[in-house]
């Protein structure tokens, strides 16, 4: 099977995760500090920003706690 065939199949089944106020995320250099999402806004470029208990963070930067394996 070619790589483009695999990618075509995966695109149909991908659904983005639901991120809501009250979810826990992991912040920091090593992604080991817990923070709770207090709100969601947008920056001057239109990119989503999470307002957390530890400050503002770009949406695609932290780890999302509910999507992590139970072993982590």
Protein backbone atom coordinates (compact mmCIF):
# COMPACT_ATOMS: atom_id res chain seq x y z
CA UNK A 1 0.00 0.00 0.00
CA UNK A 2 1.33 3.43 -0.94
CA UNK A 3 1.57 6.28 1.56
CA UNK A 4 -0.94 8.42 -0.32
CA UNK A 5 -3.49 5.61 -0.11
CA UNK A 6 -3.04 5.50 3.65
CA UNK A 7 -3.45 9.28 3.92
CA UNK A 8 -6.61 9.21 1.84
CA UNK A 9 -8.18 6.66 4.18
CA UNK A 10 -7.16 8.56 7.32
CA UNK A 11 -8.64 11.86 6.17
CA UNK A 12 -12.13 10.37 6.14
CA UNK A 13 -11.96 9.11 9.72
CA UNK A 14 -10.32 12.11 11.45
CA UNK A 15 -12.43 14.18 13.80
CA UNK A 16 -10.88 17.02 15.82
CA UNK A 17 -11.13 16.76 19.62
CA UNK A 18 -13.73 18.72 21.56
CA UNK A 19 -12.05 21.26 23.83
CA UNK A 20 -14.30 22.87 26.40
CA UNK A 21 -14.04 25.23 29.35
CA UNK A 22 -13.00 23.23 32.42
CA UNK A 23 -10.78 20.72 30.56
CA UNK A 24 -7.26 20.14 31.88
CA UNK A 25 -4.21 20.72 29.69
CA UNK A 26 -0.49 20.31 30.27
CA UNK A 27 1.66 23.45 29.83
CA UNK A 28 5.30 24.40 30.20
CA UNK A 29 8.55 23.53 28.50
CA UNK A 30 8.20 19.84 29.31
CA UNK A 31 4.36 19.82 29.25
CA UNK A 32 4.18 18.81 32.91
CA UNK A 33 2.23 21.67 34.57
CA UNK A 34 -1.52 21.20 34.82
CA UNK A 35 -3.80 24.09 33.92
CA UNK A 36 -7.57 24.41 33.60
CA UNK A 37 -9.15 26.13 30.59
CA UNK A 38 -11.08 29.24 31.69
CA UNK A 39 -12.03 30.52 28.21
CA UNK A 40 -11.18 30.57 24.51
CA UNK A 41 -10.42 33.65 22.39
CA UNK A 42 -8.56 34.65 19.23
CA UNK A 43 -5.35 36.64 18.75
CA UNK A 44 -4.68 39.40 16.20
CA UNK A 45 -3.94 36.79 13.49
CA UNK A 46 -7.16 34.88 14.06
CA UNK A 47 -5.45 31.93 15.78
CA UNK A 48 -7.27 30.35 18.77
CA UNK A 49 -5.85 31.13 22.22
CA UNK A 50 -6.74 29.27 25.42
CA UNK A 51 -7.19 31.37 28.55
CA UNK A 52 -6.04 29.12 31.39
CA UNK A 53 -5.43 29.29 35.11
CA UNK A 54 -1.69 29.68 34.31
CA UNK A 55 -2.09 32.39 31.65
CA UNK A 56 -2.76 32.45 27.91
CA UNK A 57 -1.54 29.66 25.63
CA UNK A 58 -1.82 28.94 21.92
CA UNK A 59 -4.35 26.18 21.19
CA UNK A 60 -2.01 23.85 19.31
CA UNK A 61 0.89 24.12 21.77
CA UNK A 62 -0.15 22.27 24.98
CA UNK A 63 -1.10 18.64 25.54
CA UNK A 64 -4.77 17.97 26.16
CA UNK A 65 -5.15 15.84 29.29
CA UNK A 66 -8.29 13.94 28.23
CA UNK A 67 -6.59 12.78 24.99
CA UNK A 68 -3.50 11.40 26.72
CA UNK A 69 -3.07 7.70 27.50
CA UNK A 70 -3.96 6.61 31.00
CA UNK A 71 -0.33 5.52 31.52
CA UNK A 72 1.05 9.08 31.07
